[in-house]
Amino acid sequence: MSEQRKKQRINARPPPKRALKPKQPSNWHLNKGDLPDGSAKTKTAFELHIRILWLMLTQFDVPPTVTAADRQCYNARYSSEPQIKTSVTSRINKYMDIINDAPEQVQALRDSIPQSTSIIANN
């Protein structure tokens, strides 16, 4: 067999499959290059709110997986920005009492975190 045919045959082989790594908390963050200028504080606040809503108390918690059914439900409900704004406004109005009680619930959540658990990176 010629040397060139050997190279073609070797190059035609698919690369070996690598085992998928388990999802890490950092997989869910935007890279610095993907973040528009001046929006770092907004990103941090958004991440904090999501962590609180999902009760992710440590930096090592990973959000739940979004299923195809979840996406389908979301896409069926919202097809435009005005629909999202209307939905958010109506929910805020509907649940104003619960929203006003939120500070007490956040304090209860803080009180439930063991003192030995760090919720801040690099502690």
PDB file of N, CA and C in Angstrom:
ATOM      1  N   MET A   1       0.853  -1.170   0.000  1.00  0.00           N
ATOM      2  CA  MET A   1       0.000   0.000   0.000  1.00  0.00           C
ATOM      3  C   MET A   1       0.901   1.236   0.000  1.00  0.00           C
ATOM      4  N   SER A   2       0.516   2.199  -0.779  1.00  0.00           N
ATOM      5  CA  SER A   2       1.351   3.393  -0.883  1.00  0.00           C
ATOM      6  C   SER A   2       1.254   4.230   0.387  1.00  0.00           C
ATOM      7  N   GLU A   3       2.269   5.020   0.580  1.00  0.00           N
ATOM      8  CA  GLU A   3       2.343   5.883   1.769  1.00  0.00           C
ATOM      9  C   GLU A   3       1.180   6.880   1.793  1.00  0.00           C
ATOM     10  N   GLN A   4       0.814   7.410   0.628  1.00  0.00           N
ATOM     11  CA  GLN A   4      -0.271   8.388   0.567  1.00  0.00           C
ATOM     12  C   GLN A   4      -1.616   7.742   0.929  1.00  0.00           C
ATOM     13  N   ARG A   5      -1.856   6.499   0.491  1.00  0.00           N
ATOM     14  CA  ARG A   5      -3.117   5.815   0.830  1.00  0.00           C
ATOM     15  C   ARG A   5      -3.202   5.575   2.341  1.00  0.00           C
ATOM     16  N   LYS A   6      -2.060   5.248   2.965  1.00  0.00           N
ATOM     17  CA  LYS A   6      -2.066   5.051   4.415  1.00  0.00           C
ATOM     18  C   LYS A   6      -2.470   6.338   5.128  1.00  0.00           C
ATOM     19  N   LYS A   7      -1.917   7.469   4.698  1.00  0.00           N
ATOM     20  CA  LYS A   7      -2.257   8.766   5.302  1.00  0.00           C
ATOM     21  C   LYS A   7      -3.737   9.086   5.122  1.00  0.00           C
ATOM     22  N   GLN A   8      -4.277   8.799   3.923  1.00  0.00           N
ATOM     23  CA  GLN A   8      -5.692   9.063   3.678  1.00  0.00           C
ATOM     24  C   GLN A   8      -6.555   8.200   4.594  1.00  0.00           C
ATOM     25  N   ARG A   9      -6.163   6.933   4.748  1.00  0.00           N
ATOM     26  CA  ARG A   9      -6.945   6.037   5.580  1.00  0.00           C
ATOM     27  C   ARG A   9      -6.876   6.468   7.051  1.00  0.00           C
ATOM     28  N   ILE A  10      -5.721   6.884   7.499  1.00  0.00           N
ATOM     29  CA  ILE A  10      -5.569   7.346   8.885  1.00  0.00           C
ATOM     30  C   ILE A  10      -6.364   8.624   9.113  1.00  0.00           C
ATOM     31  N   ASN A  11      -6.311   9.560   8.148  1.00  0.00           N
ATOM     32  CA  ASN A  11      -7.035  10.823   8.288  1.00  0.00           C
ATOM     33  C   ASN A  11      -8.541  10.628   8.183  1.00  0.00           C
ATOM     34  N   ALA A  12      -9.006   9.561   7.561  1.00  0.00           N
ATOM     35  CA  ALA A  12     -10.432   9.323   7.393  1.00  0.00           C
ATOM     36  C   ALA A  12     -11.076   8.774   8.658  1.00  0.00           C
ATOM     37  N   ARG A  13     -10.300   8.285   9.589  1.00  0.00           N
ATOM     38  CA  ARG A  13     -10.860   7.750  10.835  1.00  0.00           C
ATOM     39  C   ARG A  13     -11.456   8.878  11.677  1.00  0.00           C
ATOM     40  N   PRO A  14     -12.613   8.606  12.270  1.00  0.00           N
ATOM     41  CA  PRO A  14     -13.185   9.640  13.142  1.00  0.00           C
ATOM     42  C   PRO A  14     -12.334   9.761  14.410  1.00  0.00           C
ATOM     43  N   PRO A  15     -12.312  10.945  14.986  1.00  0.00           N
ATOM     44  CA  PRO A  15     -11.546  11.108  16.227  1.00  0.00           C
ATOM     45  C   PRO A  15     -12.168  10.250  17.328  1.00  0.00           C
ATOM     46  N   PRO A  16     -11.366   9.796  18.280  1.00  0.00           N
ATOM     47  CA  PRO A  16     -11.923   8.971  19.367  1.00  0.00           C
ATOM     48  C   PRO A  16     -12.936   9.779  20.175  1.00  0.00           C
ATOM     49  N   LYS A  17     -14.002   9.115  20.595  1.00  0.00           N
ATOM     50  CA  LYS A  17     -15.022   9.797  21.388  1.00  0.00           C
ATOM     51  C   LYS A  17     -14.510   9.986  22.804  1.00  0.00           C
ATOM     52  N   ARG A  18     -14.738  11.176  23.312  1.00  0.00           N
ATOM     53  CA  ARG A  18     -14.342  11.488  24.679  1.00  0.00           C
ATOM     54  C   ARG A  18     -15.573  11.394  25.568  1.00  0.00           C
ATOM     55  N   ALA A  19     -15.349  10.961  26.762  1.00  0.00           N
ATOM     56  CA  ALA A  19     -16.446  10.896  27.727  1.00  0.00           C
ATOM     57  C   ALA A  19     -16.893  12.309  28.063  1.00  0.00           C
ATOM     58  N   LEU A  20     -18.193  12.513  28.138  1.00  0.00           N
ATOM     59  CA  LEU A  20     -18.716  13.823  28.501  1.00  0.00           C
ATOM     60  C   LEU A  20     -18.421  14.114  29.964  1.00  0.00           C
ATOM     61  N   LYS A  21     -17.940  15.305  30.207  1.00  0.00           N
ATOM     62  CA  LYS A  21     -17.683  15.717  31.580  1.00  0.00           C
ATOM     63  C   LYS A  21     -19.009  16.070  32.247  1.00  0.00           C
ATOM     64  N   PRO A  22     -19.120  15.817  33.536  1.00  0.00           N
ATOM     65  CA  PRO A  22     -20.342  16.259  34.223  1.00  0.00           C
ATOM     66  C   PRO A  22     -20.413  17.779  34.199  1.00  0.00           C
ATOM     67  N   LYS A  23     -21.615  18.300  34.204  1.00  0.00           N
ATOM     68  CA  LYS A  23     -21.787  19.750  34.166  1.00  0.00           C
ATOM     69  C   LYS A  23     -21.210  20.375  35.432  1.00  0.00           C
ATOM     70  N   GLN A  24     -20.506  21.442  35.238  1.00  0.00           N
ATOM     71  CA  GLN A  24     -19.888  22.192  36.325  1.00  0.00           C
ATOM     72  C   GLN A  24     -20.668  23.497  36.500  1.00  0.00           C
ATOM     73  N   PRO A  25     -20.648  24.085  37.691  1.00  0.00           N
ATOM     74  CA  PRO A  25     -21.327  25.374  37.862  1.00  0.00           C
ATOM     75  C   PRO A  25     -20.837  26.430  36.871  1.00  0.00           C
ATOM     76  N   SER A  26     -19.558  26.404  36.522  1.00  0.00           N
ATOM     77  CA  SER A  26     -19.020  27.407  35.612  1.00  0.00           C
ATOM     78  C   SER A  26     -19.546  27.257  34.187  1.00  0.00           C
ATOM     79  N   ASN A  27     -20.124  26.100  33.844  1.00  0.00           N
ATOM     80  CA  ASN A  27     -20.678  25.910  32.502  1.00  0.00           C
ATOM     81  C   ASN A  27     -21.887  26.804  32.262  1.00  0.00           C
ATOM     82  N   TRP A  28     -22.471  27.323  33.322  1.00  0.00           N
ATOM     83  CA  TRP A  28     -23.701  28.088  33.202  1.00  0.00           C
ATOM     84  C   TRP A  28     -23.446  29.591  33.185  1.00  0.00           C
ATOM     85  N   HIS A  29     -22.200  29.999  33.176  1.00  0.00           N
ATOM     86  CA  HIS A  29     -21.863  31.419  33.197  1.00  0.00           C
ATOM     87  C   HIS A  29     -21.475  31.892  31.803  1.00  0.00           C
ATOM     88  N   LEU A  30     -21.748  33.157  31.544  1.00  0.00           N
ATOM     89  CA  LEU A  30     -21.268  33.760  30.305  1.00  0.00           C
ATOM     90  C   LEU A  30     -19.756  33.957  30.404  1.00  0.00           C
ATOM     91  N   ASN A  31     -19.088  33.828  29.291  1.00  0.00           N
ATOM     92  CA  ASN A  31     -17.669  34.168  29.248  1.00  0.00           C
ATOM     93  C   ASN A  31     -17.535  35.681  29.202  1.00  0.00           C
ATOM     94  N   LYS A  32     -16.424  36.198  29.679  1.00  0.00           N
ATOM     95  CA  LYS A  32     -16.230  37.652  29.705  1.00  0.00           C
ATOM     96  C   LYS A  32     -16.373  38.264  28.319  1.00  0.00           C
ATOM     97  N   GLY A  33     -15.916  37.563  27.288  1.00  0.00           N
ATOM     98  CA  GLY A  33     -16.007  38.078  25.924  1.00  0.00           C
ATOM     99  C   GLY A  33     -17.433  38.144  25.399  1.00  0.00           C
ATOM    100  N   ASP A  34     -18.346  37.371  25.990  1.00  0.00           N
ATOM    101  CA  ASP A  34     -19.742  37.365  25.554  1.00  0.00           C
ATOM    102  C   ASP A  34     -20.573  38.452  26.226  1.00  0.00           C
ATOM    103  N   LEU A  35     -19.992  39.129  27.186  1.00  0.00           N
ATOM    104  CA  LEU A  35     -20.713  40.100  27.992  1.00  0.00           C
ATOM    105  C   LEU A  35     -20.549  41.506  27.414  1.00  0.00           C
ATOM    106  N   PRO A  36     -21.657  42.205  27.121  1.00  0.00           N
ATOM    107  CA  PRO A  36     -21.535  43.580  26.608  1.00  0.00           C
ATOM    108  C   PRO A  36     -20.888  44.502  27.651  1.00  0.00           C
ATOM    109  N   ASP A  37     -20.234  45.541  27.184  1.00  0.00           N
ATOM    110  CA  ASP A  37     -19.593  46.504  28.086  1.00  0.00           C
ATOM    111  C   ASP A  37     -20.619  47.116  29.034  1.00  0.00           C
ATOM    112  N   GLY A  38     -20.252  47.244  30.278  1.00  0.00           N
ATOM    113  CA  GLY A  38     -21.101  47.897  31.266  1.00  0.00           C
ATOM    114  C   GLY A  38     -22.218  47.038  31.839  1.00  0.00           C
ATOM    115  N   SER A  39     -22.242  45.757  31.523  1.00  0.00           N
ATOM    116  CA  SER A  39     -23.361  44.939  32.014  1.00  0.00           C
ATOM    117  C   SER A  39     -22.931  43.901  33.045  1.00  0.00           C
ATOM    118  N   ALA A  40     -21.728  43.988  33.558  1.00  0.00           N
ATOM    119  CA  ALA A  40     -21.236  43.001  34.525  1.00  0.00           C
ATOM    120  C   ALA A  40     -22.072  43.012  35.804  1.00  0.00           C
ATOM    121  N   LYS A  41     -22.447  44.192  36.295  1.00  0.00           N
ATOM    122  CA  LYS A  41     -23.238  44.269  37.526  1.00  0.00           C
ATOM    123  C   LYS A  41     -24.644  43.708  37.305  1.00  0.00           C
ATOM    124  N   THR A  42     -25.204  43.948  36.127  1.00  0.00           N
ATOM    125  CA  THR A  42     -26.527  43.402  35.808  1.00  0.00           C
ATOM    126  C   THR A  42     -26.467  41.880  35.770  1.00  0.00           C
ATOM    127  N   LYS A  43     -25.417  41.343  35.170  1.00  0.00           N
ATOM    128  CA  LYS A  43     -25.233  39.892  35.088  1.00  0.00           C
ATOM    129  C   LYS A  43     -25.134  39.301  36.494  1.00  0.00           C
ATOM    130  N   THR A  44     -24.357  39.929  37.358  1.00  0.00           N
ATOM    131  CA  THR A  44     -24.183  39.443  38.728  1.00  0.00           C
ATOM    132  C   THR A  44     -25.511  39.470  39.483  1.00  0.00           C
ATOM    133  N   ALA A  45     -26.264  40.555  39.345  1.00  0.00           N
ATOM    134  CA  ALA A  45     -27.564  40.657  40.026  1.00  0.00           C
ATOM    135  C   ALA A  45     -28.528  39.596  39.497  1.00  0.00           C
ATOM    136  N   PHE A  46     -28.529  39.385  38.192  1.00  0.00           N
ATOM    137  CA  PHE A  46     -29.401  38.384  37.580  1.00  0.00           C
ATOM    138  C   PHE A  46     -29.064  36.987  38.100  1.00  0.00           C
ATOM    139  N   GLU A  47     -27.773  36.659  38.140  1.00  0.00           N
ATOM    140  CA  GLU A  47     -27.342  35.354  38.646  1.00  0.00           C
ATOM    141  C   GLU A  47     -27.741  35.176  40.105  1.00  0.00           C
ATOM    142  N   LEU A  48     -27.595  36.218  40.907  1.00  0.00           N
ATOM    143  CA  LEU A  48     -27.964  36.151  42.319  1.00  0.00           C
ATOM    144  C   LEU A  48     -29.458  35.865  42.475  1.00  0.00           C
ATOM    145  N   HIS A  49     -30.285  36.568  41.704  1.00  0.00           N
ATOM    146  CA  HIS A  49     -31.724  36.355  41.787  1.00  0.00           C
ATOM    147  C   HIS A  49     -32.100  34.932  41.371  1.00  0.00           C
ATOM    148  N   ILE A  50     -31.479  34.429  40.338  1.00  0.00           N
ATOM    149  CA  ILE A  50     -31.766  33.059  39.896  1.00  0.00           C
ATOM    150  C   ILE A  50     -31.365  32.065  40.989  1.00  0.00           C
ATOM    151  N   ARG A  51     -30.204  32.276  41.588  1.00  0.00           N
ATOM    152  CA  ARG A  51     -29.746  31.372  42.637  1.00  0.00           C
ATOM    153  C   ARG A  51     -30.725  31.376  43.816  1.00  0.00           C
ATOM    154  N   ILE A  52     -31.233  32.532  44.171  1.00  0.00           N
ATOM    155  CA  ILE A  52     -32.192  32.621  45.270  1.00  0.00           C
ATOM    156  C   ILE A  52     -33.496  31.924  44.892  1.00  0.00           C
ATOM    157  N   LEU A  53     -33.994  32.181  43.691  1.00  0.00           N
ATOM    158  CA  LEU A  53     -35.257  31.554  43.275  1.00  0.00           C
ATOM    159  C   LEU A  53     -35.156  30.040  43.223  1.00  0.00           C
ATOM    160  N   TRP A  54     -33.997  29.522  42.825  1.00  0.00           N
ATOM    161  CA  TRP A  54     -33.813  28.069  42.728  1.00  0.00           C
ATOM    162  C   TRP A  54     -33.267  27.473  44.026  1.00  0.00           C
ATOM    163  N   LEU A  55     -33.118  28.306  45.067  1.00  0.00           N
ATOM    164  CA  LEU A  55     -32.580  27.871  46.355  1.00  0.00           C
ATOM    165  C   LEU A  55     -31.222  27.188  46.200  1.00  0.00           C
ATOM    166  N   MET A  56     -30.396  27.743  45.349  1.00  0.00           N
ATOM    167  CA  MET A  56     -29.035  27.237  45.148  1.00  0.00           C
ATOM    168  C   MET A  56     -28.146  27.992  46.131  1.00  0.00           C
ATOM    169  N   LEU A  57     -27.879  27.373  47.269  1.00  0.00           N
ATOM    170  CA  LEU A  57     -27.261  28.086  48.384  1.00  0.00           C
ATOM    171  C   LEU A  57     -25.750  28.137  48.329  1.00  0.00           C
ATOM    172  N   THR A  58     -25.107  27.277  47.563  1.00  0.00           N
ATOM    173  CA  THR A  58     -23.645  27.312  47.514  1.00  0.00           C
ATOM    174  C   THR A  58     -23.176  27.547  46.091  1.00  0.00           C
ATOM    175  N   GLN A  59     -21.917  27.899  45.964  1.00  0.00           N
ATOM    176  CA  GLN A  59     -21.350  28.155  44.650  1.00  0.00           C
ATOM    177  C   GLN A  59     -21.192  26.882  43.830  1.00  0.00           C
ATOM    178  N   PHE A  60     -21.376  25.726  44.437  1.00  0.00           N
ATOM    179  CA  PHE A  60     -21.201  24.460  43.741  1.00  0.00           C
ATOM    180  C   PHE A  60     -22.515  23.876  43.225  1.00  0.00           C
ATOM    181  N   ASP A  61     -23.645  24.485  43.571  1.00  0.00           N
ATOM    182  CA  ASP A  61     -24.940  23.992  43.100  1.00  0.00           C
ATOM    183  C   ASP A  61     -25.088  24.249  41.609  1.00  0.00           C
ATOM    184  N   VAL A  62     -25.685  23.295  40.900  1.00  0.00           N
ATOM    185  CA  VAL A  62     -25.897  23.398  39.460  1.00  0.00           C
ATOM    186  C   VAL A  62     -27.392  23.535  39.214  1.00  0.00           C
ATOM    187  N   PRO A  63     -27.804  24.440  38.320  1.00  0.00           N
ATOM    188  CA  PRO A  63     -29.237  24.607  38.056  1.00  0.00           C
ATOM    189  C   PRO A  63     -29.855  23.336  37.469  1.00  0.00           C
ATOM    190  N   PRO A  64     -31.165  23.186  37.625  1.00  0.00           N
ATOM    191  CA  PRO A  64     -31.819  22.023  37.034  1.00  0.00           C
ATOM    192  C   PRO A  64     -31.740  22.077  35.509  1.00  0.00           C
ATOM    193  N   THR A  65     -31.772  20.917  34.881  1.00  0.00           N
ATOM    194  CA  THR A  65     -31.704  20.834  33.427  1.00  0.00           C
ATOM    195  C   THR A  65     -33.024  21.321  32.825  1.00  0.00           C
ATOM    196  N   VAL A  66     -32.918  22.116  31.767  1.00  0.00           N
ATOM    197  CA  VAL A  66     -34.102  22.570  31.043  1.00  0.00           C
ATOM    198  C   VAL A  66     -34.451  21.486  30.034  1.00  0.00           C
ATOM    199  N   THR A  67     -35.650  20.934  30.164  1.00  0.00           N
ATOM    200  CA  THR A  67     -36.061  19.846  29.288  1.00  0.00           C
ATOM    201  C   THR A  67     -36.684  20.400  28.007  1.00  0.00           C
ATOM    202  N   ALA A  68     -36.846  19.527  27.019  1.00  0.00           N
ATOM    203  CA  ALA A  68     -37.501  19.923  25.771  1.00  0.00           C
ATOM    204  C   ALA A  68     -38.945  20.352  26.054  1.00  0.00           C
ATOM    205  N   ALA A  69     -39.593  19.683  27.001  1.00  0.00           N
ATOM    206  CA  ALA A  69     -40.972  20.049  27.365  1.00  0.00           C
ATOM    207  C   ALA A  69     -41.014  21.456  27.972  1.00  0.00           C
ATOM    208  N   ASP A  70     -40.006  21.799  28.802  1.00  0.00           N
ATOM    209  CA  ASP A  70     -39.934  23.148  29.383  1.00  0.00           C
ATOM    210  C   ASP A  70     -39.814  24.197  28.280  1.00  0.00           C
ATOM    211  N   ARG A  71     -38.917  23.937  27.323  1.00  0.00           N
ATOM    212  CA  ARG A  71     -38.714  24.878  26.212  1.00  0.00           C
ATOM    213  C   ARG A  71     -39.980  25.021  25.373  1.00  0.00           C
ATOM    214  N   GLN A  72     -40.637  23.898  25.111  1.00  0.00           N
ATOM    215  CA  GLN A  72     -41.847  23.916  24.292  1.00  0.00           C
ATOM    216  C   GLN A  72     -42.936  24.737  24.978  1.00  0.00           C
ATOM    217  N   CYS A  73     -43.085  24.556  26.274  1.00  0.00           N
ATOM    218  CA  CYS A  73     -44.073  25.314  27.045  1.00  0.00           C
ATOM    219  C   CYS A  73     -43.752  26.807  26.998  1.00  0.00           C
ATOM    220  N   TYR A  74     -42.487  27.163  27.188  1.00  0.00           N
ATOM    221  CA  TYR A  74     -42.065  28.564  27.153  1.00  0.00           C
ATOM    222  C   TYR A  74     -42.325  29.168  25.778  1.00  0.00           C
ATOM    223  N   ASN A  75     -41.925  28.453  24.732  1.00  0.00           N
ATOM    224  CA  ASN A  75     -42.096  28.968  23.374  1.00  0.00           C
ATOM    225  C   ASN A  75     -43.567  29.112  22.997  1.00  0.00           C
ATOM    226  N   ALA A  76     -44.421  28.238  23.529  1.00  0.00           N
ATOM    227  CA  ALA A  76     -45.853  28.344  23.259  1.00  0.00           C
ATOM    228  C   ALA A  76     -46.452  29.554  23.977  1.00  0.00           C
ATOM    229  N   ARG A  77     -45.907  29.871  25.137  1.00  0.00           N
ATOM    230  CA  ARG A  77     -46.434  30.972  25.940  1.00  0.00           C
ATOM    231  C   ARG A  77     -45.955  32.339  25.472  1.00  0.00           C
ATOM    232  N   TYR A  78     -44.705  32.400  25.058  1.00  0.00           N
ATOM    233  CA  TYR A  78     -44.092  33.687  24.719  1.00  0.00           C
ATOM    234  C   TYR A  78     -43.506  33.639  23.313  1.00  0.00           C
ATOM    235  N   SER A  79     -44.017  34.511  22.464  1.00  0.00           N
ATOM    236  CA  SER A  79     -43.460  34.580  21.114  1.00  0.00           C
ATOM    237  C   SER A  79     -42.944  35.974  20.778  1.00  0.00           C
ATOM    238  N   SER A  80     -43.109  36.916  21.726  1.00  0.00           N
ATOM    239  CA  SER A  80     -42.623  38.271  21.467  1.00  0.00           C
ATOM    240  C   SER A  80     -42.282  38.961  22.789  1.00  0.00           C
ATOM    241  N   GLU A  81     -41.494  40.007  22.684  1.00  0.00           N
ATOM    242  CA  GLU A  81     -41.114  40.773  23.881  1.00  0.00           C
ATOM    243  C   GLU A  81     -42.321  41.420  24.563  1.00  0.00           C
ATOM    244  N   PRO A  82     -43.275  42.002  23.814  1.00  0.00           N
ATOM    245  CA  PRO A  82     -44.456  42.569  24.494  1.00  0.00           C
ATOM    246  C   PRO A  82     -45.250  41.528  25.295  1.00  0.00           C
ATOM    247  N   GLN A  83     -45.321  40.288  24.797  1.00  0.00           N
ATOM    248  CA  GLN A  83     -46.011  39.243  25.554  1.00  0.00           C
ATOM    249  C   GLN A  83     -45.311  38.987  26.889  1.00  0.00           C
ATOM    250  N   ILE A  84     -43.989  38.971  26.860  1.00  0.00           N
ATOM    251  CA  ILE A  84     -43.222  38.737  28.095  1.00  0.00           C
ATOM    252  C   ILE A  84     -43.457  39.892  29.065  1.00  0.00           C
ATOM    253  N   LYS A  85     -43.388  41.137  28.572  1.00  0.00           N
ATOM    254  CA  LYS A  85     -43.610  42.301  29.438  1.00  0.00           C
ATOM    255  C   LYS A  85     -45.001  42.281  30.059  1.00  0.00           C
ATOM    256  N   THR A  86     -46.012  41.961  29.269  1.00  0.00           N
ATOM    257  CA  THR A  86     -47.385  41.899  29.776  1.00  0.00           C
ATOM    258  C   THR A  86     -47.519  40.824  30.846  1.00  0.00           C
ATOM    259  N   SER A  87     -46.913  39.672  30.592  1.00  0.00           N
ATOM    260  CA  SER A  87     -46.984  38.575  31.545  1.00  0.00           C
ATOM    261  C   SER A  87     -46.306  38.940  32.863  1.00  0.00           C
ATOM    262  N   VAL A  88     -45.122  39.532  32.764  1.00  0.00           N
ATOM    263  CA  VAL A  88     -44.382  39.913  33.975  1.00  0.00           C
ATOM    264  C   VAL A  88     -45.170  40.948  34.775  1.00  0.00           C
ATOM    265  N   THR A  89     -45.695  41.957  34.098  1.00  0.00           N
ATOM    266  CA  THR A  89     -46.460  43.011  34.783  1.00  0.00           C
ATOM    267  C   THR A  89     -47.688  42.434  35.481  1.00  0.00           C
ATOM    268  N   SER A  90     -48.411  41.552  34.798  1.00  0.00           N
ATOM    269  CA  SER A  90     -49.620  40.987  35.414  1.00  0.00           C
ATOM    270  C   SER A  90     -49.268  40.110  36.614  1.00  0.00           C
ATOM    271  N   ARG A  91     -48.159  39.365  36.518  1.00  0.00           N
ATOM    272  CA  ARG A  91     -47.741  38.525  37.658  1.00  0.00           C
ATOM    273  C   ARG A  91     -47.314  39.375  38.845  1.00  0.00           C
ATOM    274  N   ILE A  92     -46.603  40.460  38.579  1.00  0.00           N
ATOM    275  CA  ILE A  92     -46.187  41.354  39.667  1.00  0.00           C
ATOM    276  C   ILE A  92     -47.422  41.904  40.377  1.00  0.00           C
ATOM    277  N   ASN A  93     -48.391  42.353  39.597  1.00  0.00           N
ATOM    278  CA  ASN A  93     -49.619  42.888  40.197  1.00  0.00           C
ATOM    279  C   ASN A  93     -50.379  41.822  40.980  1.00  0.00           C
ATOM    280  N   LYS A  94     -50.451  40.618  40.438  1.00  0.00           N
ATOM    281  CA  LYS A  94     -51.199  39.537  41.069  1.00  0.00           C
ATOM    282  C   LYS A  94     -50.561  39.096  42.390  1.00  0.00           C
ATOM    283  N   TYR A  95     -49.232  39.069  42.430  1.00  0.00           N
ATOM    284  CA  TYR A  95     -48.522  38.526  43.595  1.00  0.00           C
ATOM    285  C   TYR A  95     -47.833  39.600  44.432  1.00  0.00           C
ATOM    286  N   MET A  96     -48.349  40.819  44.419  1.00  0.00           N
ATOM    287  CA  MET A  96     -47.724  41.930  45.143  1.00  0.00           C
ATOM    288  C   MET A  96     -47.579  41.625  46.636  1.00  0.00           C
ATOM    289  N   ASP A  97     -48.564  40.982  47.254  1.00  0.00           N
ATOM    290  CA  ASP A  97     -48.480  40.674  48.686  1.00  0.00           C
ATOM    291  C   ASP A  97     -47.315  39.723  48.966  1.00  0.00           C
ATOM    292  N   ILE A  98     -47.163  38.718  48.121  1.00  0.00           N
ATOM    293  CA  ILE A  98     -46.072  37.760  48.295  1.00  0.00           C
ATOM    294  C   ILE A  98     -44.726  38.453  48.073  1.00  0.00           C
ATOM    295  N   ILE A  99     -44.683  39.328  47.086  1.00  0.00           N
ATOM    296  CA  ILE A  99     -43.445  40.067  46.797  1.00  0.00           C
ATOM    297  C   ILE A  99     -43.063  40.923  48.001  1.00  0.00           C
ATOM    298  N   ASN A 100     -44.053  41.548  48.621  1.00  0.00           N
ATOM    299  CA  ASN A 100     -43.763  42.395  49.784  1.00  0.00           C
ATOM    300  C   ASN A 100     -43.290  41.578  50.982  1.00  0.00           C
ATOM    301  N   ASP A 101     -43.682  40.306  51.043  1.00  0.00           N
ATOM    302  CA  ASP A 101     -43.241  39.426  52.132  1.00  0.00           C
ATOM    303  C   ASP A 101     -41.857  38.816  51.861  1.00  0.00           C
ATOM    304  N   ALA A 102     -41.323  39.034  50.685  1.00  0.00           N
ATOM    305  CA  ALA A 102     -40.060  38.401  50.290  1.00  0.00           C
ATOM    306  C   ALA A 102     -38.888  38.705  51.221  1.00  0.00           C
ATOM    307  N   PRO A 103     -38.714  39.946  51.699  1.00  0.00           N
ATOM    308  CA  PRO A 103     -37.564  40.195  52.583  1.00  0.00           C
ATOM    309  C   PRO A 103     -37.540  39.278  53.813  1.00  0.00           C
ATOM    310  N   GLU A 104     -38.698  39.000  54.379  1.00  0.00           N
ATOM    311  CA  GLU A 104     -38.749  38.097  55.531  1.00  0.00           C
ATOM    312  C   GLU A 104     -38.354  36.679  55.127  1.00  0.00           C
ATOM    313  N   GLN A 105     -38.791  36.260  53.955  1.00  0.00           N
ATOM    314  CA  GLN A 105     -38.455  34.923  53.476  1.00  0.00           C
ATOM    315  C   GLN A 105     -36.961  34.809  53.162  1.00  0.00           C
ATOM    316  N   VAL A 106     -36.386  35.873  52.614  1.00  0.00           N
ATOM    317  CA  VAL A 106     -34.943  35.871  52.336  1.00  0.00           C
ATOM    318  C   VAL A 106     -34.167  35.784  53.651  1.00  0.00           C
ATOM    319  N   GLN A 107     -34.610  36.501  54.663  1.00  0.00           N
ATOM    320  CA  GLN A 107     -33.934  36.434  55.956  1.00  0.00           C
ATOM    321  C   GLN A 107     -34.035  35.032  56.539  1.00  0.00           C
ATOM    322  N   ALA A 108     -35.195  34.384  56.394  1.00  0.00           N
ATOM    323  CA  ALA A 108     -35.350  33.011  56.872  1.00  0.00           C
ATOM    324  C   ALA A 108     -34.409  32.072  56.115  1.00  0.00           C
ATOM    325  N   LEU A 109     -34.269  32.304  54.822  1.00  0.00           N
ATOM    326  CA  LEU A 109     -33.334  31.503  54.029  1.00  0.00           C
ATOM    327  C   LEU A 109     -31.902  31.715  54.515  1.00  0.00           C
ATOM    328  N   ARG A 110     -31.526  32.960  54.752  1.00  0.00           N
ATOM    329  CA  ARG A 110     -30.177  33.252  55.266  1.00  0.00           C
ATOM    330  C   ARG A 110     -29.940  32.580  56.604  1.00  0.00           C
ATOM    331  N   ASP A 111     -30.945  32.619  57.463  1.00  0.00           N
ATOM    332  CA  ASP A 111     -30.813  32.006  58.784  1.00  0.00           C
ATOM    333  C   ASP A 111     -30.677  30.487  58.707  1.00  0.00           C
ATOM    334  N   SER A 112     -31.183  29.889  57.616  1.00  0.00           N
ATOM    335  CA  SER A 112     -31.134  28.428  57.478  1.00  0.00           C
ATOM    336  C   SER A 112     -29.795  27.926  56.929  1.00  0.00           C
ATOM    337  N   ILE A 113     -28.955  28.829  56.452  1.00  0.00           N
ATOM    338  CA  ILE A 113     -27.658  28.421  55.896  1.00  0.00           C
ATOM    339  C   ILE A 113     -26.701  28.143  57.048  1.00  0.00           C
ATOM    340  N   PRO A 114     -26.107  26.947  57.085  1.00  0.00           N
ATOM    341  CA  PRO A 114     -25.153  26.650  58.159  1.00  0.00           C
ATOM    342  C   PRO A 114     -23.965  27.616  58.100  1.00  0.00           C
ATOM    343  N   GLN A 115     -23.477  27.998  59.252  1.00  0.00           N
ATOM    344  CA  GLN A 115     -22.363  28.945  59.313  1.00  0.00           C
ATOM    345  C   GLN A 115     -21.094  28.385  58.683  1.00  0.00           C
ATOM    346  N   SER A 116     -20.965  27.062  58.634  1.00  0.00           N
ATOM    347  CA  SER A 116     -19.762  26.458  58.079  1.00  0.00           C
ATOM    348  C   SER A 116     -19.762  26.431  56.557  1.00  0.00           C
ATOM    349  N   THR A 117     -20.883  26.780  55.933  1.00  0.00           N
ATOM    350  CA  THR A 117     -21.005  26.750  54.468  1.00  0.00           C
ATOM    351  C   THR A 117     -20.739  28.133  53.905  1.00  0.00           C
ATOM    352  N   SER A 118     -19.807  28.212  52.982  1.00  0.00           N
ATOM    353  CA  SER A 118     -19.526  29.469  52.340  1.00  0.00           C
ATOM    354  C   SER A 118     -20.416  29.624  51.113  1.00  0.00           C
ATOM    355  N   ILE A 119     -21.019  30.791  50.967  1.00  0.00           N
ATOM    356  CA  ILE A 119     -21.835  31.053  49.775  1.00  0.00           C
ATOM    357  C   ILE A 119     -21.144  32.087  48.886  1.00  0.00           C
ATOM    358  N   ILE A 120     -19.931  32.441  49.240  1.00  0.00           N
ATOM    359  CA  ILE A 120     -19.156  33.402  48.466  1.00  0.00           C
ATOM    360  C   ILE A 120     -17.919  32.682  47.938  1.00  0.00           C
ATOM    361  N   ALA A 121     -17.601  32.919  46.656  1.00  0.00           N
ATOM    362  CA  ALA A 121     -16.450  32.263  46.035  1.00  0.00           C
ATOM    363  C   ALA A 121     -15.157  32.642  46.770  1.00  0.00           C
ATOM    364  N   ASN A 122     -14.233  31.721  46.774  1.00  0.00           N
ATOM    365  CA  ASN A 122     -12.890  31.921  47.328  1.00  0.00           C
ATOM    366  C   ASN A 122     -12.887  32.181  48.826  1.00  0.00           C
ATOM    367  N   ASN A 123     -13.830  31.652  49.544  1.00  0.00           N
ATOM    368  CA  ASN A 123     -13.821  31.785  51.004  1.00  0.00           C
ATOM    369  C   ASN A 123     -13.381  30.502  51.630  1.00  0.00           C
TER     370      ASN A 123
END
